[in-house]
Amino acid sequence: MEPKIRIIIPIIVLVLFPSCYSYKNMADTQDSYSVGEKYEIQIGAGNLEKVTVTSVTDSTVTVLQRG
């Protein structure tokens, strides 16, 4: 193997490996959401919006905005 490649490959592995663990599971950082329950959420810097949860997966919470 060429000396440059022997140095570059470990550097690439060291940079890419930690990125696999930089994301947190939503269940670890958020409350549990129940389908059909009503919540108030803030979207961006706007006012609180009243919503109803329509579906929950491991990475997405889908809501229906009430008027």
PDB file of N, CA and C in Angstrom:
ATOM      1  N   MET A   1       0.834  -1.177   0.000  1.00  0.00           N
ATOM      2  CA  MET A   1       0.000   0.000   0.000  1.00  0.00           C
ATOM      3  C   MET A   1       0.882   1.244   0.000  1.00  0.00           C
ATOM      4  N   GLU A   2       0.434   2.242  -0.662  1.00  0.00           N
ATOM      5  CA  GLU A   2       1.151   3.497  -0.737  1.00  0.00           C
ATOM      6  C   GLU A   2       1.090   4.218   0.618  1.00  0.00           C
ATOM      7  N   PRO A   3       2.159   4.871   1.036  1.00  0.00           N
ATOM      8  CA  PRO A   3       2.179   5.528   2.347  1.00  0.00           C
ATOM      9  C   PRO A   3       1.063   6.560   2.550  1.00  0.00           C
ATOM     10  N   LYS A   4       0.695   7.298   1.507  1.00  0.00           N
ATOM     11  CA  LYS A   4      -0.377   8.291   1.640  1.00  0.00           C
ATOM     12  C   LYS A   4      -1.699   7.625   1.990  1.00  0.00           C
ATOM     13  N   ILE A   5      -1.985   6.502   1.348  1.00  0.00           N
ATOM     14  CA  ILE A   5      -3.231   5.779   1.591  1.00  0.00           C
ATOM     15  C   ILE A   5      -3.242   5.207   3.007  1.00  0.00           C
ATOM     16  N   ARG A   6      -2.105   4.777   3.510  1.00  0.00           N
ATOM     17  CA  ARG A   6      -2.019   4.219   4.863  1.00  0.00           C
ATOM     18  C   ARG A   6      -2.333   5.281   5.915  1.00  0.00           C
ATOM     19  N   ILE A   7      -2.124   6.524   5.591  1.00  0.00           N
ATOM     20  CA  ILE A   7      -2.419   7.608   6.521  1.00  0.00           C
ATOM     21  C   ILE A   7      -3.856   8.110   6.334  1.00  0.00           C
ATOM     22  N   ILE A   8      -4.302   8.184   5.098  1.00  0.00           N
ATOM     23  CA  ILE A   8      -5.620   8.741   4.797  1.00  0.00           C
ATOM     24  C   ILE A   8      -6.749   7.844   5.300  1.00  0.00           C
ATOM     25  N   ILE A   9      -6.653   6.554   5.132  1.00  0.00           N
ATOM     26  CA  ILE A   9      -7.732   5.638   5.525  1.00  0.00           C
ATOM     27  C   ILE A   9      -8.033   5.731   7.024  1.00  0.00           C
ATOM     28  N   PRO A  10      -7.051   5.676   7.922  1.00  0.00           N
ATOM     29  CA  PRO A  10      -7.384   5.818   9.346  1.00  0.00           C
ATOM     30  C   PRO A  10      -7.993   7.183   9.696  1.00  0.00           C
ATOM     31  N   ILE A  11      -7.556   8.224   9.017  1.00  0.00           N
ATOM     32  CA  ILE A  11      -8.126   9.551   9.273  1.00  0.00           C
ATOM     33  C   ILE A  11      -9.600   9.576   8.869  1.00  0.00           C
ATOM     34  N   ILE A  12      -9.918   8.996   7.736  1.00  0.00           N
ATOM     35  CA  ILE A  12     -11.313   8.936   7.285  1.00  0.00           C
ATOM     36  C   ILE A  12     -12.160   8.164   8.284  1.00  0.00           C
ATOM     37  N   VAL A  13     -11.660   7.040   8.756  1.00  0.00           N
ATOM     38  CA  VAL A  13     -12.403   6.230   9.735  1.00  0.00           C
ATOM     39  C   VAL A  13     -12.614   7.027  11.024  1.00  0.00           C
ATOM     40  N   LEU A  14     -11.610   7.735  11.494  1.00  0.00           N
ATOM     41  CA  LEU A  14     -11.731   8.511  12.725  1.00  0.00           C
ATOM     42  C   LEU A  14     -12.726   9.658  12.597  1.00  0.00           C
ATOM     43  N   VAL A  15     -12.855  10.209  11.410  1.00  0.00           N
ATOM     44  CA  VAL A  15     -13.799  11.302  11.200  1.00  0.00           C
ATOM     45  C   VAL A  15     -15.224  10.771  11.048  1.00  0.00           C
ATOM     46  N   LEU A  16     -15.416   9.693  10.329  1.00  0.00           N
ATOM     47  CA  LEU A  16     -16.756   9.194  10.043  1.00  0.00           C
ATOM     48  C   LEU A  16     -17.365   8.389  11.190  1.00  0.00           C
ATOM     49  N   PHE A  17     -16.566   7.694  11.964  1.00  0.00           N
ATOM     50  CA  PHE A  17     -17.101   6.832  13.017  1.00  0.00           C
ATOM     51  C   PHE A  17     -17.902   7.598  14.067  1.00  0.00           C
ATOM     52  N   PRO A  18     -17.424   8.703  14.618  1.00  0.00           N
ATOM     53  CA  PRO A  18     -18.211   9.426  15.624  1.00  0.00           C
ATOM     54  C   PRO A  18     -19.514   9.989  15.083  1.00  0.00           C
ATOM     55  N   SER A  19     -19.596  10.283  13.795  1.00  0.00           N
ATOM     56  CA  SER A  19     -20.824  10.839  13.243  1.00  0.00           C
ATOM     57  C   SER A  19     -21.980   9.848  13.309  1.00  0.00           C
ATOM     58  N   CYS A  20     -21.691   8.570  13.415  1.00  0.00           N
ATOM     59  CA  CYS A  20     -22.747   7.560  13.533  1.00  0.00           C
ATOM     60  C   CYS A  20     -23.482   7.686  14.862  1.00  0.00           C
ATOM     61  N   TYR A  21     -22.844   8.264  15.864  1.00  0.00           N
ATOM     62  CA  TYR A  21     -23.416   8.330  17.198  1.00  0.00           C
ATOM     63  C   TYR A  21     -23.794   9.744  17.607  1.00  0.00           C
ATOM     64  N   SER A  22     -23.851  10.669  16.675  1.00  0.00           N
ATOM     65  CA  SER A  22     -24.142  12.052  17.020  1.00  0.00           C
ATOM     66  C   SER A  22     -25.637  12.351  17.079  1.00  0.00           C
ATOM     67  N   TYR A  23     -26.494  11.448  16.633  1.00  0.00           N
ATOM     68  CA  TYR A  23     -27.928  11.664  16.657  1.00  0.00           C
ATOM     69  C   TYR A  23     -28.526  10.977  17.874  1.00  0.00           C
ATOM     70  N   LYS A  24     -29.500  11.644  18.509  1.00  0.00           N
ATOM     71  CA  LYS A  24     -30.148  11.070  19.678  1.00  0.00           C
ATOM     72  C   LYS A  24     -31.515  10.534  19.278  1.00  0.00           C
ATOM     73  N   ASN A  25     -31.928   9.487  19.932  1.00  0.00           N
ATOM     74  CA  ASN A  25     -33.232   8.905  19.714  1.00  0.00           C
ATOM     75  C   ASN A  25     -34.296   9.841  20.266  1.00  0.00           C
ATOM     76  N   MET A  26     -35.356  10.051  19.524  1.00  0.00           N
ATOM     77  CA  MET A  26     -36.417  10.953  19.955  1.00  0.00           C
ATOM     78  C   MET A  26     -37.023  10.510  21.272  1.00  0.00           C
ATOM     79  N   ALA A  27     -37.130   9.214  21.500  1.00  0.00           N
ATOM     80  CA  ALA A  27     -37.720   8.695  22.724  1.00  0.00           C
ATOM     81  C   ALA A  27     -36.874   9.060  23.946  1.00  0.00           C
ATOM     82  N   ASP A  28     -35.578   9.249  23.764  1.00  0.00           N
ATOM     83  CA  ASP A  28     -34.707   9.602  24.879  1.00  0.00           C
ATOM     84  C   ASP A  28     -34.801  11.070  25.255  1.00  0.00           C
ATOM     85  N   THR A  29     -35.205  11.915  24.331  1.00  0.00           N
ATOM     86  CA  THR A  29     -35.186  13.347  24.581  1.00  0.00           C
ATOM     87  C   THR A  29     -36.565  13.985  24.630  1.00  0.00           C
ATOM     88  N   GLN A  30     -37.600  13.304  24.222  1.00  0.00           N
ATOM     89  CA  GLN A  30     -38.932  13.895  24.156  1.00  0.00           C
ATOM     90  C   GLN A  30     -39.904  13.123  25.045  1.00  0.00           C
ATOM     91  N   ASP A  31     -41.029  13.775  25.324  1.00  0.00           N
ATOM     92  CA  ASP A  31     -42.111  13.111  26.057  1.00  0.00           C
ATOM     93  C   ASP A  31     -42.786  12.085  25.161  1.00  0.00           C
ATOM     94  N   SER A  32     -43.558  11.204  25.756  1.00  0.00           N
ATOM     95  CA  SER A  32     -44.340  10.248  24.980  1.00  0.00           C
ATOM     96  C   SER A  32     -45.591  10.953  24.464  1.00  0.00           C
ATOM     97  N   TYR A  33     -45.915  10.725  23.215  1.00  0.00           N
ATOM     98  CA  TYR A  33     -47.106  11.315  22.620  1.00  0.00           C
ATOM     99  C   TYR A  33     -48.114  10.208  22.349  1.00  0.00           C
ATOM    100  N   SER A  34     -49.389  10.473  22.649  1.00  0.00           N
ATOM    101  CA  SER A  34     -50.447   9.487  22.458  1.00  0.00           C
ATOM    102  C   SER A  34     -51.353   9.932  21.322  1.00  0.00           C
ATOM    103  N   VAL A  35     -51.683   8.993  20.430  1.00  0.00           N
ATOM    104  CA  VAL A  35     -52.572   9.290  19.308  1.00  0.00           C
ATOM    105  C   VAL A  35     -53.942   9.672  19.855  1.00  0.00           C
ATOM    106  N   GLY A  36     -54.509  10.751  19.312  1.00  0.00           N
ATOM    107  CA  GLY A  36     -55.817  11.226  19.733  1.00  0.00           C
ATOM    108  C   GLY A  36     -55.764  12.258  20.849  1.00  0.00           C
ATOM    109  N   GLU A  37     -54.623  12.406  21.501  1.00  0.00           N
ATOM    110  CA  GLU A  37     -54.483  13.386  22.576  1.00  0.00           C
ATOM    111  C   GLU A  37     -54.292  14.775  21.993  1.00  0.00           C
ATOM    112  N   LYS A  38     -54.687  15.794  22.760  1.00  0.00           N
ATOM    113  CA  LYS A  38     -54.565  17.182  22.323  1.00  0.00           C
ATOM    114  C   LYS A  38     -53.397  17.835  23.054  1.00  0.00           C
ATOM    115  N   TYR A  39     -52.604  18.602  22.307  1.00  0.00           N
ATOM    116  CA  TYR A  39     -51.433  19.275  22.854  1.00  0.00           C
ATOM    117  C   TYR A  39     -51.381  20.698  22.340  1.00  0.00           C
ATOM    118  N   GLU A  40     -50.625  21.545  23.033  1.00  0.00           N
ATOM    119  CA  GLU A  40     -50.300  22.872  22.542  1.00  0.00           C
ATOM    120  C   GLU A  40     -48.819  22.858  22.203  1.00  0.00           C
ATOM    121  N   ILE A  41     -48.501  23.257  20.966  1.00  0.00           N
ATOM    122  CA  ILE A  41     -47.101  23.280  20.548  1.00  0.00           C
ATOM    123  C   ILE A  41     -46.763  24.655  20.004  1.00  0.00           C
ATOM    124  N   GLN A  42     -45.491  25.008  20.054  1.00  0.00           N
ATOM    125  CA  GLN A  42     -45.030  26.262  19.475  1.00  0.00           C
ATOM    126  C   GLN A  42     -44.241  25.936  18.223  1.00  0.00           C
ATOM    127  N   ILE A  43     -44.632  26.525  17.111  1.00  0.00           N
ATOM    128  CA  ILE A  43     -43.956  26.307  15.831  1.00  0.00           C
ATOM    129  C   ILE A  43     -43.046  27.493  15.587  1.00  0.00           C
ATOM    130  N   GLY A  44     -41.747  27.252  15.624  1.00  0.00           N
ATOM    131  CA  GLY A  44     -40.778  28.333  15.452  1.00  0.00           C
ATOM    132  C   GLY A  44     -40.916  29.352  16.562  1.00  0.00           C
ATOM    133  N   ALA A  45     -40.912  30.632  16.200  1.00  0.00           N
ATOM    134  CA  ALA A  45     -41.039  31.701  17.184  1.00  0.00           C
ATOM    135  C   ALA A  45     -42.479  32.195  17.269  1.00  0.00           C
ATOM    136  N   GLY A  46     -43.412  31.447  16.676  1.00  0.00           N
ATOM    137  CA  GLY A  46     -44.815  31.860  16.643  1.00  0.00           C
ATOM    138  C   GLY A  46     -45.560  31.573  17.930  1.00  0.00           C
ATOM    139  N   ASN A  47     -46.867  31.753  17.868  1.00  0.00           N
ATOM    140  CA  ASN A  47     -47.740  31.517  19.008  1.00  0.00           C
ATOM    141  C   ASN A  47     -47.941  30.029  19.236  1.00  0.00           C
ATOM    142  N   LEU A  48     -48.521  29.697  20.381  1.00  0.00           N
ATOM    143  CA  LEU A  48     -48.869  28.312  20.656  1.00  0.00           C
ATOM    144  C   LEU A  48     -50.035  27.897  19.768  1.00  0.00           C
ATOM    145  N   GLU A  49     -49.948  26.702  19.201  1.00  0.00           N
ATOM    146  CA  GLU A  49     -50.999  26.154  18.347  1.00  0.00           C
ATOM    147  C   GLU A  49     -51.594  24.938  19.022  1.00  0.00           C
ATOM    148  N   LYS A  50     -52.914  24.809  18.965  1.00  0.00           N
ATOM    149  CA  LYS A  50     -53.581  23.630  19.509  1.00  0.00           C
ATOM    150  C   LYS A  50     -53.637  22.562  18.427  1.00  0.00           C
ATOM    151  N   VAL A  51     -53.126  21.363  18.730  1.00  0.00           N
ATOM    152  CA  VAL A  51     -53.073  20.280  17.752  1.00  0.00           C
ATOM    153  C   VAL A  51     -53.550  18.982  18.381  1.00  0.00           C
ATOM    154  N   THR A  52     -53.943  18.057  17.515  1.00  0.00           N
ATOM    155  CA  THR A  52     -54.297  16.698  17.918  1.00  0.00           C
ATOM    156  C   THR A  52     -53.327  15.750  17.239  1.00  0.00           C
ATOM    157  N   VAL A  53     -52.734  14.828  17.995  1.00  0.00           N
ATOM    158  CA  VAL A  53     -51.770  13.881  17.443  1.00  0.00           C
ATOM    159  C   VAL A  53     -52.525  12.828  16.644  1.00  0.00           C
ATOM    160  N   THR A  54     -52.144  12.653  15.358  1.00  0.00           N
ATOM    161  CA  THR A  54     -52.823  11.674  14.508  1.00  0.00           C
ATOM    162  C   THR A  54     -52.024  10.385  14.341  1.00  0.00           C
ATOM    163  N   SER A  55     -50.681  10.468  14.401  1.00  0.00           N
ATOM    164  CA  SER A  55     -49.871   9.246  14.332  1.00  0.00           C
ATOM    165  C   SER A  55     -48.498   9.525  14.934  1.00  0.00           C
ATOM    166  N   VAL A  56     -47.893   8.454  15.464  1.00  0.00           N
ATOM    167  CA  VAL A  56     -46.575   8.553  16.089  1.00  0.00           C
ATOM    168  C   VAL A  56     -45.739   7.372  15.624  1.00  0.00           C
ATOM    169  N   THR A  57     -44.521   7.660  15.132  1.00  0.00           N
ATOM    170  CA  THR A  57     -43.564   6.609  14.817  1.00  0.00           C
ATOM    171  C   THR A  57     -42.312   6.880  15.634  1.00  0.00           C
ATOM    172  N   ASP A  58     -41.262   6.102  15.411  1.00  0.00           N
ATOM    173  CA  ASP A  58     -40.040   6.303  16.175  1.00  0.00           C
ATOM    174  C   ASP A  58     -39.335   7.607  15.824  1.00  0.00           C
ATOM    175  N   SER A  59     -39.649   8.218  14.671  1.00  0.00           N
ATOM    176  CA  SER A  59     -38.951   9.442  14.275  1.00  0.00           C
ATOM    177  C   SER A  59     -39.884  10.587  13.894  1.00  0.00           C
ATOM    178  N   THR A  60     -41.207  10.366  13.878  1.00  0.00           N
ATOM    179  CA  THR A  60     -42.142  11.391  13.402  1.00  0.00           C
ATOM    180  C   THR A  60     -43.390  11.431  14.258  1.00  0.00           C
ATOM    181  N   VAL A  61     -43.846  12.655  14.531  1.00  0.00           N
ATOM    182  CA  VAL A  61     -45.134  12.852  15.176  1.00  0.00           C
ATOM    183  C   VAL A  61     -45.963  13.672  14.205  1.00  0.00           C
ATOM    184  N   THR A  62     -47.109  13.130  13.764  1.00  0.00           N
ATOM    185  CA  THR A  62     -47.984  13.816  12.821  1.00  0.00           C
ATOM    186  C   THR A  62     -49.148  14.391  13.603  1.00  0.00           C
ATOM    187  N   VAL A  63     -49.449  15.680  13.346  1.00  0.00           N
ATOM    188  CA  VAL A  63     -50.517  16.335  14.097  1.00  0.00           C
ATOM    189  C   VAL A  63     -51.520  16.967  13.149  1.00  0.00           C
ATOM    190  N   LEU A  64     -52.724  17.206  13.667  1.00  0.00           N
ATOM    191  CA  LEU A  64     -53.786  17.893  12.958  1.00  0.00           C
ATOM    192  C   LEU A  64     -53.999  19.200  13.688  1.00  0.00           C
ATOM    193  N   GLN A  65     -53.820  20.314  12.979  1.00  0.00           N
ATOM    194  CA  GLN A  65     -53.945  21.619  13.607  1.00  0.00           C
ATOM    195  C   GLN A  65     -55.422  21.973  13.735  1.00  0.00           C
ATOM    196  N   ARG A  66     -55.816  22.384  14.928  1.00  0.00           N
ATOM    197  CA  ARG A  66     -57.191  22.804  15.175  1.00  0.00           C
ATOM    198  C   ARG A  66     -57.291  24.304  15.032  1.00  0.00           C
ATOM    199  N   GLY A  67     -58.453  24.792  14.606  1.00  0.00           N
ATOM    200  CA  GLY A  67     -58.644  26.220  14.372  1.00  0.00           C
ATOM    201  C   GLY A  67     -58.974  26.979  15.556  1.00  0.00           C
TER     202      GLY A  67
END
